[in-house]
Amino acid sequence: MIKHLFSFSGSFGDIYMGENLVSNPKMQVAIKIEPTCDKAAQLYNEFKFYRLINEKQGFPNIYWFGQWDKYNVLVMVSWPEFLTICFTI
């Protein structure tokens, strides 16, 4: 579920705050979106990088990557959630 757009849009797309409705308790997630037709599309490369280091401490978890409509979408832990996890380890 997408809640709202962060205060900015980047040169590679938009970042939205969302909520993982499956987890208990519900967790905030960051949803990064870029057009699939963009010649400078970077989300797939970002996904591959995070997938390589996903199990390493200090890097955010990726929940999903795929295409939706005409967009590449990357769903990951939001920074407030991520920082909370890092400082409680």
N, C-alpha and C. Protein backbone atom coordinates (compact mmCIF):
# COMPACT_ATOMS: atom_id res chain seq x y z
N MET A 1 0.85 -1.18 0.00
CA MET A 1 0.00 0.00 0.00
C MET A 1 0.89 1.24 0.00
N ILE A 2 0.76 2.08 -0.99
CA ILE A 2 1.55 3.31 -1.07
C ILE A 2 0.84 4.39 -0.25
N LYS A 3 1.61 5.05 0.62
CA LYS A 3 1.04 6.11 1.45
C LYS A 3 1.24 7.49 0.84
N HIS A 4 2.48 7.89 0.59
CA HIS A 4 2.72 9.23 0.05
C HIS A 4 4.10 9.32 -0.56
N LEU A 5 4.29 10.32 -1.41
CA LEU A 5 5.57 10.59 -2.03
C LEU A 5 6.45 11.33 -1.03
N PHE A 6 7.72 10.91 -0.97
CA PHE A 6 8.67 11.67 -0.16
C PHE A 6 8.73 13.09 -0.67
N SER A 7 9.50 13.91 -0.04
CA SER A 7 9.53 15.33 -0.38
C SER A 7 10.27 15.62 -1.69
N PHE A 8 10.78 14.60 -2.36
CA PHE A 8 11.50 14.86 -3.61
C PHE A 8 11.35 13.70 -4.58
N SER A 9 11.61 14.00 -5.84
CA SER A 9 11.73 12.98 -6.87
C SER A 9 13.16 13.04 -7.37
N GLY A 10 13.79 11.89 -7.52
CA GLY A 10 15.17 11.87 -7.97
C GLY A 10 15.27 11.88 -9.48
N SER A 11 16.48 11.97 -9.97
CA SER A 11 16.69 11.97 -11.42
C SER A 11 16.42 10.60 -12.01
N PHE A 12 16.37 9.56 -11.18
CA PHE A 12 16.13 8.21 -11.66
C PHE A 12 14.73 7.72 -11.31
N GLY A 13 13.84 8.57 -10.87
CA GLY A 13 12.48 8.14 -10.55
C GLY A 13 11.99 8.75 -9.25
N ASP A 14 10.93 8.15 -8.72
CA ASP A 14 10.30 8.65 -7.51
C ASP A 14 10.45 7.64 -6.38
N ILE A 15 10.41 8.15 -5.16
CA ILE A 15 10.45 7.29 -3.98
C ILE A 15 9.20 7.56 -3.16
N TYR A 16 8.49 6.48 -2.85
CA TYR A 16 7.26 6.56 -2.08
C TYR A 16 7.43 5.86 -0.74
N MET A 17 6.70 6.30 0.25
CA MET A 17 6.62 5.60 1.53
C MET A 17 5.42 4.69 1.44
N GLY A 18 5.56 3.47 1.87
CA GLY A 18 4.46 2.53 1.84
C GLY A 18 4.40 1.74 3.12
N GLU A 19 3.49 0.81 3.16
CA GLU A 19 3.32 -0.03 4.34
C GLU A 19 3.16 -1.47 3.90
N ASN A 20 3.94 -2.37 4.48
CA ASN A 20 3.85 -3.79 4.21
C ASN A 20 2.63 -4.31 4.97
N LEU A 21 1.58 -4.64 4.25
CA LEU A 21 0.35 -5.07 4.89
C LEU A 21 0.39 -6.54 5.31
N VAL A 22 1.43 -7.26 4.88
CA VAL A 22 1.53 -8.69 5.20
C VAL A 22 2.24 -8.92 6.52
N SER A 23 3.24 -8.09 6.84
CA SER A 23 4.03 -8.30 8.05
C SER A 23 3.21 -7.96 9.29
N ASN A 24 3.60 -8.57 10.39
CA ASN A 24 2.94 -8.29 11.66
C ASN A 24 4.03 -8.04 12.69
N PRO A 25 4.23 -6.86 13.24
CA PRO A 25 3.41 -5.68 13.00
C PRO A 25 3.70 -5.09 11.62
N LYS A 26 2.82 -4.25 11.16
CA LYS A 26 2.98 -3.63 9.85
C LYS A 26 4.26 -2.81 9.83
N MET A 27 5.01 -2.91 8.73
CA MET A 27 6.30 -2.25 8.63
C MET A 27 6.29 -1.24 7.49
N GLN A 28 6.96 -0.10 7.72
CA GLN A 28 7.11 0.89 6.66
C GLN A 28 8.12 0.39 5.64
N VAL A 29 7.84 0.65 4.37
CA VAL A 29 8.77 0.29 3.30
C VAL A 29 8.97 1.49 2.39
N ALA A 30 10.10 1.50 1.70
CA ALA A 30 10.36 2.49 0.66
C ALA A 30 10.06 1.83 -0.68
N ILE A 31 9.37 2.52 -1.56
CA ILE A 31 9.01 2.00 -2.87
C ILE A 31 9.62 2.93 -3.91
N LYS A 32 10.63 2.42 -4.63
CA LYS A 32 11.31 3.21 -5.65
C LYS A 32 10.73 2.82 -7.00
N ILE A 33 10.37 3.82 -7.80
CA ILE A 33 9.71 3.60 -9.08
C ILE A 33 10.41 4.41 -10.17
N GLU A 34 10.65 3.74 -11.32
CA GLU A 34 11.20 4.43 -12.49
C GLU A 34 10.50 3.90 -13.73
N PRO A 35 10.35 4.71 -14.76
CA PRO A 35 9.72 4.24 -16.00
C PRO A 35 10.57 3.15 -16.66
N THR A 36 9.94 2.10 -17.17
CA THR A 36 10.68 1.04 -17.85
C THR A 36 11.31 1.52 -19.14
N CYS A 37 10.75 2.54 -19.75
CA CYS A 37 11.28 3.05 -21.02
C CYS A 37 12.46 3.99 -20.83
N ASP A 38 12.83 4.30 -19.59
CA ASP A 38 13.94 5.21 -19.32
C ASP A 38 15.26 4.60 -19.78
N LYS A 39 15.99 5.30 -20.61
CA LYS A 39 17.26 4.80 -21.12
C LYS A 39 18.32 4.68 -20.01
N ALA A 40 18.16 5.42 -18.94
CA ALA A 40 19.12 5.38 -17.83
C ALA A 40 18.55 4.60 -16.64
N ALA A 41 17.71 3.62 -16.90
CA ALA A 41 17.09 2.84 -15.82
C ALA A 41 18.17 2.20 -14.94
N GLN A 42 18.05 2.38 -13.64
CA GLN A 42 19.06 1.90 -12.70
C GLN A 42 18.53 0.94 -11.64
N LEU A 43 17.23 0.81 -11.50
CA LEU A 43 16.69 0.01 -10.40
C LEU A 43 17.09 -1.46 -10.49
N TYR A 44 17.16 -2.02 -11.70
CA TYR A 44 17.55 -3.42 -11.82
C TYR A 44 18.99 -3.61 -11.32
N ASN A 45 19.88 -2.68 -11.68
CA ASN A 45 21.27 -2.76 -11.20
C ASN A 45 21.33 -2.61 -9.69
N GLU A 46 20.53 -1.71 -9.14
CA GLU A 46 20.48 -1.54 -7.69
C GLU A 46 19.98 -2.82 -7.03
N PHE A 47 18.95 -3.44 -7.60
CA PHE A 47 18.41 -4.69 -7.09
C PHE A 47 19.48 -5.78 -7.09
N LYS A 48 20.22 -5.91 -8.21
CA LYS A 48 21.26 -6.94 -8.29
C LYS A 48 22.33 -6.71 -7.22
N PHE A 49 22.72 -5.44 -7.02
CA PHE A 49 23.72 -5.12 -6.00
C PHE A 49 23.23 -5.52 -4.61
N TYR A 50 22.02 -5.11 -4.26
CA TYR A 50 21.49 -5.44 -2.94
C TYR A 50 21.29 -6.94 -2.77
N ARG A 51 20.93 -7.63 -3.85
CA ARG A 51 20.76 -9.08 -3.77
C ARG A 51 22.09 -9.76 -3.46
N LEU A 52 23.19 -9.23 -3.98
CA LEU A 52 24.52 -9.80 -3.71
C LEU A 52 24.92 -9.63 -2.24
N ILE A 53 24.53 -8.52 -1.64
CA ILE A 53 24.96 -8.23 -0.27
C ILE A 53 23.82 -8.30 0.73
N ASN A 54 22.68 -8.84 0.34
CA ASN A 54 21.48 -8.82 1.16
C ASN A 54 21.68 -9.40 2.56
N GLU A 55 22.51 -10.39 2.69
CA GLU A 55 22.70 -11.02 3.99
C GLU A 55 23.74 -10.32 4.86
N LYS A 56 24.35 -9.30 4.34
CA LYS A 56 25.39 -8.60 5.09
C LYS A 56 24.79 -7.57 6.04
N GLN A 57 25.35 -7.51 7.24
CA GLN A 57 24.89 -6.53 8.22
C GLN A 57 25.21 -5.12 7.74
N GLY A 58 24.27 -4.20 7.91
CA GLY A 58 24.49 -2.82 7.55
C GLY A 58 23.93 -2.41 6.20
N PHE A 59 23.26 -3.34 5.50
CA PHE A 59 22.64 -3.02 4.22
C PHE A 59 21.15 -3.29 4.30
N PRO A 60 20.34 -2.48 3.63
CA PRO A 60 18.88 -2.64 3.72
C PRO A 60 18.39 -3.91 3.02
N ASN A 61 17.30 -4.48 3.54
CA ASN A 61 16.68 -5.65 2.94
C ASN A 61 15.81 -5.24 1.75
N ILE A 62 15.82 -6.07 0.73
CA ILE A 62 14.97 -5.88 -0.44
C ILE A 62 13.82 -6.87 -0.32
N TYR A 63 12.60 -6.38 -0.46
CA TYR A 63 11.43 -7.24 -0.36
C TYR A 63 10.91 -7.70 -1.71
N TRP A 64 11.04 -6.84 -2.74
CA TRP A 64 10.51 -7.21 -4.05
C TRP A 64 11.07 -6.30 -5.13
N PHE A 65 11.32 -6.89 -6.29
CA PHE A 65 11.65 -6.12 -7.48
C PHE A 65 10.87 -6.71 -8.64
N GLY A 66 10.31 -5.86 -9.49
CA GLY A 66 9.59 -6.35 -10.66
C GLY A 66 9.03 -5.19 -11.45
N GLN A 67 8.21 -5.54 -12.43
CA GLN A 67 7.57 -4.52 -13.25
C GLN A 67 6.10 -4.44 -12.90
N TRP A 68 5.61 -3.23 -12.84
CA TRP A 68 4.21 -2.95 -12.60
C TRP A 68 3.78 -1.90 -13.59
N ASP A 69 2.80 -2.24 -14.40
CA ASP A 69 2.34 -1.36 -15.46
C ASP A 69 3.54 -1.00 -16.34
N LYS A 70 3.91 0.27 -16.44
CA LYS A 70 5.05 0.70 -17.27
C LYS A 70 6.22 1.16 -16.40
N TYR A 71 6.36 0.55 -15.22
CA TYR A 71 7.38 0.97 -14.27
C TYR A 71 8.18 -0.21 -13.73
N ASN A 72 9.46 0.04 -13.45
CA ASN A 72 10.27 -0.86 -12.63
C ASN A 72 10.04 -0.44 -11.19
N VAL A 73 9.88 -1.42 -10.30
CA VAL A 73 9.56 -1.12 -8.91
C VAL A 73 10.49 -1.90 -8.00
N LEU A 74 11.06 -1.22 -7.01
CA LEU A 74 11.91 -1.84 -6.01
C LEU A 74 11.33 -1.51 -4.64
N VAL A 75 10.98 -2.54 -3.88
CA VAL A 75 10.42 -2.36 -2.54
C VAL A 75 11.48 -2.81 -1.54
N MET A 76 11.82 -1.91 -0.64
CA MET A 76 12.88 -2.19 0.33
C MET A 76 12.50 -1.61 1.69
N VAL A 77 13.24 -2.01 2.70
CA VAL A 77 13.00 -1.48 4.03
C VAL A 77 13.19 0.04 3.98
N SER A 78 12.34 0.77 4.68
CA SER A 78 12.48 2.23 4.70
C SER A 78 13.66 2.61 5.58
N TRP A 79 14.23 3.78 5.36
CA TRP A 79 15.41 4.19 6.13
C TRP A 79 15.14 4.30 7.62
N PRO A 80 14.00 4.84 8.08
CA PRO A 80 13.78 4.85 9.54
C PRO A 80 13.75 3.43 10.12
N GLU A 81 13.11 2.49 9.43
CA GLU A 81 13.08 1.10 9.89
C GLU A 81 14.49 0.52 9.85
N PHE A 82 15.22 0.78 8.78
CA PHE A 82 16.56 0.25 8.61
C PHE A 82 17.50 0.75 9.72
N LEU A 83 17.44 2.04 10.01
CA LEU A 83 18.30 2.60 11.05
C LEU A 83 17.95 2.03 12.43
N THR A 84 16.68 1.80 12.68
CA THR A 84 16.27 1.20 13.94
C THR A 84 16.85 -0.21 14.07
N ILE A 85 16.80 -0.97 12.98
CA ILE A 85 17.35 -2.33 12.98
C ILE A 85 18.85 -2.29 13.21
N CYS A 86 19.56 -1.38 12.52
CA CYS A 86 21.02 -1.29 12.63
C CYS A 86 21.47 -0.97 14.05
N PHE A 87 20.76 -0.05 14.70
CA PHE A 87 21.21 0.38 16.01
C PHE A 87 20.75 -0.52 17.14
N THR A 88 19.94 -1.54 16.83
CA THR A 88 19.54 -2.49 17.87
C THR A 88 20.33 -3.80 17.75
N ILE A 89 21.19 -3.91 16.74
CA ILE A 89 22.00 -5.13 16.56
C ILE A 89 23.17 -5.11 17.52
